[in-house]
Each structure stands twice: as structure tokens, then as C-alpha cells.
Amino acid sequence: MNVTEAYRECESITRREAKNFSYGIRLLRPPEREALSAVYALARRIDDIGDGDGATGDRLAALDGVRADLRDLAAHDDDAVLVALGDAARRYDLPMAAFGELIDGCEHDVRGTTYDTLDSLVGYCRLVAGSVGRLSLAVFGTRDPGAAVPLADDLGVALQLTNILRDVVEDRGMGRVYLPAADAAHWGCEPDLSGPPDALVALISSECEAARVWFDRGLRLIPLLDRRSRACVAAMAGIYRHLLVRIERDPAAVTRGRLSLPTREKAWIAVRALAGAGV
């Protein structure tokens, strides 16, 4: 498979599967958009294995298979995602070890790992989202890597905490509990987040405060990027930040169903990001 076809397939996966991510990625120049689509496509493959219905052992074996694929990308010239990723890795010097961290985080999901404290949850968020932030930063480029790399990681934590808050009831139905057990106990929830509905609402509200702190840290990345990359990150982060604000205003809403922003609002955030970046 040639590289052009491979990138086209990765962009198709991104448009189809990454509803929020795609609003930012479309603001990039074509080469960066292609490379970030390749990063997303493999991250999606890893996530899909972690979220699959197969037996625990089968999913762990499949994740090990992805680790093996990453050790020799050139051996998979018939796999669009790996072909595109191999080209992107050469062009942008991607920190490929970050994919290993993402796989580590997905293994936690497969095993049903729970988190006692906010610090331990943040460690998980760094694996599954900070890793993608660092991969994305390699594509964006920055004039100050020493400052930008930890901020990309922090922004990933903010986005993942927002995802966890949005999906708390859906995840609980799948047997997954991410919110810290110590915080749950403080607000009167059982370890599986059962108990009085008001207790869960209070827990969600308190964790929104933590997510806001991580946004405050991570958004300091934006001035360290070029104009197109600033617009991309501002759009993606803006969508999640607006979602967090909605949860903060009505924490009970996430217990009634999955929250999402209307398409019109997402487009408005993306346009504002593009204008604010001066592109």
C-alpha cells in the first residue's frame, strides 16, 4: 500500500470516529493533519482492543500484538495505519514509546484497575491521554520543548478527566470505575459508585474542580505553538472545556445520559480558535 492511500484511510478513520478531535485536526496544514490522523488511527485501534468484548486474555494478547507491530512498522506494508504511522514517525520524529504507555493504560482498563487517590488516577490519565498529547506535540512542533512537553501531558490529563466525568455512568455499567475511591468514600459513595444519587452528584462536582486545575495548567501550552497548531489545540481543548463547564453547572446531567455539545457549538468553538490564532 502506498503512503498516500494509507494516509487517506487514516483520515477517514479520524473523521468517522473522532467527533471532537476532528474539529481541531482539520485546522492543520495537510502534512500535519495526515500525521496526526495516523497517530489517532493507531490510538483508536489500541482503545478498541481495550474496550472490546473479548476475554481478558485475548485482549491482552492483542495489545501485545500491537507492541510487536510497533517494533517493526516496515514489516506491515499492507496495513494502512502502520504504513502511515511509519511515514509520520520518520517525518516528525514521533516519541514512539508513548504508544507503549497508551497500551499500558489500556491494559489497566482490561484488567479493571481502580484508583484509590486522585494522584493514581492522574497517573492513568498520563498513560492514556498524556501520551497522545506528547505524540501530537511532536507533530505540531514547538520553540520550547522543555516547557511544552509537560504541558502537553497536563492537557491530556485535563481532557481525560473530562471524559471520565462525562462517561461515569456508562463506564460503571461496563464494570469500570475511575473516580478515586477515597473521594467516593468522602462523599458517601460505595467503591462501585453506588449509593445515594446525591452522593454521586457531589463526587462529580468535586472532581470537576480537579479537571479545571489541569486545564489551567495544560492550556499554557497554546502560546508555545505555531498559529495553525494553536488553532488546532484551542479548538480541541475548547470543546472539552465547554463540556466540563456544562458538567460543572449541572453535575446530575451526566447521571441522566451522555452529554455532548451540539454540532453548531463545536463549529463555533473551532471558528473562534482559528480567528484567535490569527490564521
Protein backbone atom coordinates (compact mmCIF):
# COMPACT_ATOMS: atom_id res chain seq x y z
CA MET A 1 0.00 0.00 0.00
CA ASN A 2 1.39 3.42 -0.89
CA VAL A 3 1.67 6.19 1.69
CA THR A 4 -0.94 8.44 0.09
CA GLU A 5 -3.59 5.72 0.27
CA ALA A 6 -2.54 4.91 3.82
CA TYR A 7 -2.96 8.49 4.98
CA ARG A 8 -6.31 8.72 3.22
CA GLU A 9 -7.54 5.70 5.20
CA CYS A 10 -6.29 7.18 8.49
CA GLU A 11 -8.07 10.47 7.77
CA SER A 12 -11.25 8.54 7.04
CA ILE A 13 -10.96 6.75 10.40
CA THR A 14 -10.43 10.07 12.16
CA ARG A 15 -13.42 11.75 10.54
CA ARG A 16 -15.65 8.77 11.34
CA GLU A 17 -14.54 8.00 14.88
CA ALA A 18 -13.12 11.20 16.40
CA LYS A 19 -16.04 13.59 16.62
CA ASN A 20 -14.33 16.14 18.92
CA PHE A 21 -10.75 15.55 17.79
CA SER A 22 -11.62 16.15 14.14
CA TYR A 23 -12.76 19.74 14.76
CA GLY A 24 -9.23 20.68 15.71
CA ILE A 25 -7.29 18.47 13.33
CA ARG A 26 -9.00 19.92 10.26
CA LEU A 27 -7.41 23.31 11.09
CA LEU A 28 -3.89 21.98 10.47
CA ARG A 29 -1.90 22.09 7.26
CA PRO A 30 -2.26 18.87 5.20
CA PRO A 31 1.07 17.27 6.22
CA GLU A 32 0.42 17.75 9.93
CA ARG A 33 -3.20 16.71 9.52
CA GLU A 34 -2.11 13.49 7.85
CA ALA A 35 0.45 12.69 10.53
CA LEU A 36 -1.94 13.38 13.39
CA SER A 37 -4.58 11.23 11.69
CA ALA A 38 -2.08 8.35 11.66
CA VAL A 39 -1.40 8.87 15.36
CA TYR A 40 -5.11 8.92 16.11
CA ALA A 41 -5.84 5.86 13.97
CA LEU A 42 -3.39 3.68 15.89
CA ALA A 43 -4.54 5.12 19.23
CA ARG A 44 -8.07 4.23 18.21
CA ARG A 45 -7.02 0.68 17.34
CA ILE A 46 -5.48 0.31 20.79
CA ASP A 47 -8.56 1.76 22.51
CA ASP A 48 -10.88 -0.51 20.55
CA ILE A 49 -8.95 -3.55 21.74
CA GLY A 50 -9.15 -2.33 25.33
CA ASP A 51 -12.88 -1.67 25.03
CA GLY A 52 -13.68 -4.89 23.17
CA ASP A 53 -15.94 -7.71 24.29
CA GLY A 54 -13.35 -10.47 24.10
CA ALA A 55 -11.91 -12.39 27.03
CA THR A 56 -9.34 -10.62 29.16
CA GLY A 57 -6.51 -12.85 27.99
CA ASP A 58 -7.41 -12.39 24.34
CA ARG A 59 -7.45 -8.61 24.63
CA LEU A 60 -4.13 -8.54 26.49
CA ALA A 61 -2.64 -10.75 23.78
CA ALA A 62 -3.98 -8.40 21.10
CA LEU A 63 -2.37 -5.44 22.87
CA ASP A 64 0.91 -7.35 22.95
CA GLY A 65 0.44 -7.84 19.23
CA VAL A 66 0.31 -4.08 18.72
CA ARG A 67 3.51 -3.70 20.74
CA ALA A 68 5.15 -6.19 18.38
CA ASP A 69 3.83 -4.31 15.32
CA LEU A 70 5.35 -1.07 16.62
CA ARG A 71 8.78 -2.68 16.91
CA ASP A 72 8.84 -3.32 13.15
CA LEU A 73 6.49 -0.99 11.29
CA ALA A 74 8.21 -1.65 7.98
CA ALA A 75 7.11 -5.28 8.07
CA HIS A 76 3.45 -4.30 7.68
CA ASP A 77 3.26 -2.78 4.21
CA ASP A 78 -0.36 -3.94 3.79
CA ASP A 79 -1.67 -2.21 6.92
CA ALA A 80 -2.75 1.36 6.15
CA VAL A 81 -2.46 2.59 9.72
CA LEU A 82 1.05 1.20 10.23
CA VAL A 83 2.23 2.40 6.81
CA ALA A 84 1.05 5.93 7.53
CA LEU A 85 2.42 5.86 11.06
CA GLY A 86 5.82 4.70 9.85
CA ASP A 87 5.99 7.64 7.47
CA ALA A 88 4.80 10.09 10.14
CA ALA A 89 7.35 8.72 12.62
CA ARG A 90 10.17 9.41 10.16
CA ARG A 91 8.93 12.87 9.23
CA TYR A 92 8.20 14.12 12.75
CA ASP A 93 10.44 12.00 14.99
CA LEU A 94 7.47 10.76 16.98
CA PRO A 95 8.20 9.58 20.54
CA MET A 96 7.06 6.05 19.79
CA ALA A 97 7.50 4.92 23.40
CA ALA A 98 4.37 6.96 24.11
CA PHE A 99 2.32 4.32 22.29
CA GLY A 100 3.69 1.80 24.76
CA GLU A 101 2.38 3.96 27.58
CA LEU A 102 -1.02 4.12 25.91
CA ILE A 103 -1.04 0.32 25.70
CA ASP A 104 -0.07 0.16 29.39
CA GLY A 105 -3.12 2.29 30.21
CA CYS A 106 -5.41 0.14 28.11
CA GLU A 107 -4.11 -2.92 29.92
CA HIS A 108 -5.29 -1.27 33.15
CA ASP A 109 -8.74 -1.00 31.58
CA VAL A 110 -8.76 -4.62 30.50
CA ARG A 111 -7.79 -5.75 34.00
CA GLY A 112 -10.39 -3.50 35.63
CA THR A 113 -7.86 -1.46 37.59
CA THR A 114 -9.36 1.01 40.06
CA TYR A 115 -7.75 4.08 41.61
CA ASP A 116 -7.58 4.89 45.29
CA THR A 117 -6.49 8.51 45.01
CA LEU A 118 -6.59 11.37 42.55
CA ASP A 119 -2.82 11.06 42.10
CA SER A 120 -3.15 7.45 40.99
CA LEU A 121 -5.96 8.41 38.58
CA VAL A 122 -3.78 11.19 37.15
CA GLY A 123 -1.07 8.58 36.55
CA TYR A 124 -3.55 6.58 34.48
CA CYS A 125 -4.60 9.72 32.58
CA ARG A 126 -0.98 10.42 31.71
CA LEU A 127 -0.73 6.93 30.20
CA VAL A 128 -3.84 7.05 28.04
CA ALA A 129 -4.05 10.77 27.18
CA GLY A 130 -0.82 12.48 28.14
CA SER A 131 0.90 10.03 25.80
CA VAL A 132 -1.28 11.19 22.90
CA GLY A 133 -0.60 14.80 23.87
CA ARG A 134 3.15 14.22 23.60
CA LEU A 135 2.77 12.44 20.26
CA SER A 136 0.65 15.30 18.97
CA LEU A 137 3.20 17.86 20.14
CA ALA A 138 5.87 16.15 18.05
CA VAL A 139 3.68 16.79 15.01
CA PHE A 140 2.91 20.38 16.00
CA GLY A 141 6.48 21.32 16.85
CA THR A 142 7.38 23.98 19.39
CA ARG A 143 10.09 26.52 20.03
CA ASP A 144 10.43 25.40 23.67
CA PRO A 145 10.20 21.60 24.01
CA GLY A 146 11.37 21.66 27.62
CA ALA A 147 8.34 23.68 28.64
CA ALA A 148 5.88 22.30 26.09
CA VAL A 149 6.23 18.54 26.66
CA PRO A 150 4.97 18.51 30.28
CA LEU A 151 2.20 20.96 29.36
CA ALA A 152 1.02 18.67 26.54
CA ASP A 153 0.92 15.88 29.10
CA ASP A 154 -1.05 18.09 31.54
CA LEU A 155 -3.58 19.00 28.88
CA GLY A 156 -4.06 15.32 28.13
CA VAL A 157 -4.86 14.76 31.81
CA ALA A 158 -7.49 17.52 31.66
CA LEU A 159 -9.17 16.02 28.60
CA GLN A 160 -9.17 12.52 30.05
CA LEU A 161 -10.61 13.64 33.40
CA THR A 162 -13.40 15.36 31.46
CA ASN A 163 -14.04 12.14 29.51
CA ILE A 164 -14.22 10.19 32.76
CA LEU A 165 -16.74 12.62 34.25
CA ARG A 166 -18.86 12.59 31.09
CA ASP A 167 -18.90 8.79 30.92
CA VAL A 168 -19.10 7.96 34.63
CA VAL A 169 -22.45 6.15 34.47
CA GLU A 170 -21.73 4.43 31.14
CA ASP A 171 -18.37 3.21 32.45
CA ARG A 172 -19.97 1.99 35.69
CA GLY A 173 -22.37 -0.08 33.60
CA MET A 174 -19.33 -1.74 31.98
CA GLY A 175 -17.85 -2.51 35.38
CA ARG A 176 -15.27 0.27 35.17
CA VAL A 177 -14.79 2.80 37.94
CA TYR A 178 -12.20 5.52 37.51
CA LEU A 179 -13.09 8.13 40.12
CA PRO A 180 -10.86 7.86 43.20
CA ALA A 181 -12.13 5.50 45.89
CA ALA A 182 -11.03 7.85 48.67
CA ASP A 183 -13.04 10.71 47.20
CA ALA A 184 -16.03 8.44 46.61
CA ALA A 185 -15.98 7.39 50.26
CA HIS A 186 -15.71 11.00 51.38
CA TRP A 187 -18.94 11.88 49.57
CA GLY A 188 -20.80 8.75 50.69
CA CYS A 189 -20.48 6.59 47.57
CA GLU A 190 -19.63 2.91 47.62
CA PRO A 191 -16.46 1.80 45.77
CA ASP A 192 -18.60 0.90 42.74
CA LEU A 193 -20.17 4.41 42.89
CA SER A 194 -23.50 3.05 44.08
CA GLY A 195 -25.32 4.71 46.95
CA PRO A 196 -27.46 7.84 47.26
CA PRO A 197 -27.75 9.70 43.92
CA ASP A 198 -26.91 12.96 45.65
CA ALA A 199 -23.61 11.48 46.81
CA LEU A 200 -22.57 10.66 43.24
CA VAL A 201 -23.55 14.15 42.11
CA ALA A 202 -21.44 15.67 44.90
CA LEU A 203 -18.50 13.48 43.91
CA ILE A 204 -18.77 14.51 40.26
CA SER A 205 -18.93 18.16 41.25
CA SER A 206 -15.78 17.88 43.35
CA GLU A 207 -13.84 16.12 40.59
CA CYS A 208 -14.79 18.92 38.18
CA GLU A 209 -12.63 21.19 40.29
CA ALA A 210 -9.64 18.91 39.75
CA ALA A 211 -10.22 18.83 35.98
CA ARG A 212 -10.39 22.62 35.89
CA VAL A 213 -6.99 22.85 37.60
CA TRP A 214 -5.46 20.57 34.96
CA PHE A 215 -6.99 22.68 32.19
CA ASP A 216 -5.44 25.78 33.73
CA ARG A 217 -2.06 24.08 33.56
CA GLY A 218 -2.38 22.45 30.17
CA LEU A 219 -3.73 25.44 28.28
CA ARG A 220 -0.43 27.21 28.89
CA LEU A 221 0.80 25.03 26.01
CA ILE A 222 -1.05 27.07 23.39
CA PRO A 223 1.27 30.12 23.23
CA LEU A 224 4.23 27.79 22.65
CA LEU A 225 2.82 26.54 19.32
CA ASP A 226 2.69 27.98 15.83
CA ARG A 227 -0.54 29.57 14.60
CA ARG A 228 -2.12 26.54 12.97
CA SER A 229 -1.21 24.27 15.87
CA ARG A 230 -2.54 26.86 18.34
CA ALA A 231 -5.84 26.84 16.49
CA CYS A 232 -5.98 23.03 16.49
CA VAL A 233 -5.28 22.69 20.21
CA ALA A 234 -7.54 25.61 21.13
CA ALA A 235 -10.41 24.01 19.22
CA MET A 236 -10.00 20.53 20.72
CA ALA A 237 -9.36 21.78 24.23
CA GLY A 238 -12.13 24.36 23.90
CA ILE A 239 -14.72 21.71 23.11
CA TYR A 240 -13.76 19.69 26.18
CA ARG A 241 -13.52 22.79 28.36
CA HIS A 242 -17.06 23.80 27.36
CA LEU A 243 -18.20 20.26 28.12
CA LEU A 244 -16.63 20.48 31.56
CA VAL A 245 -18.41 23.78 32.19
CA ARG A 246 -21.71 22.10 31.38
CA ILE A 247 -20.96 19.31 33.84
CA GLU A 248 -19.95 21.85 36.49
CA ARG A 249 -23.23 23.70 36.05
CA ASP A 250 -25.34 20.55 36.28
CA PRO A 251 -23.37 17.57 37.64
CA ALA A 252 -26.54 15.47 37.76
CA ALA A 253 -26.83 15.69 33.97
CA VAL A 254 -24.17 13.01 33.46
CA THR A 255 -26.26 10.59 35.53
CA ARG A 256 -29.20 11.04 33.15
CA GLY A 257 -27.36 10.35 29.89
CA ARG A 258 -24.22 11.08 27.93
CA LEU A 259 -23.55 14.80 27.49
CA SER A 260 -22.24 16.24 24.25
CA LEU A 261 -22.07 19.68 22.69
CA PRO A 262 -24.28 20.44 19.69
CA THR A 263 -22.52 20.44 16.33
CA ARG A 264 -23.20 24.15 15.94
CA GLU A 265 -21.45 24.92 19.23
CA LYS A 266 -18.43 22.78 18.32
CA ALA A 267 -18.14 24.58 14.97
CA TRP A 268 -18.38 27.94 16.74
CA ILE A 269 -15.55 26.97 19.09
CA ALA A 270 -13.41 25.88 16.14
CA VAL A 271 -14.04 29.16 14.27
CA ARG A 272 -13.14 31.16 17.36
CA ALA A 273 -9.96 29.12 17.76
CA LEU A 274 -8.98 29.78 14.15
CA ALA A 275 -9.63 33.50 14.46
CA GLY A 276 -7.85 33.74 17.78
CA ALA A 277 -4.76 32.10 16.34
CA GLY A 278 -4.59 34.75 13.65
CA VAL A 279 -4.55 32.21 10.84
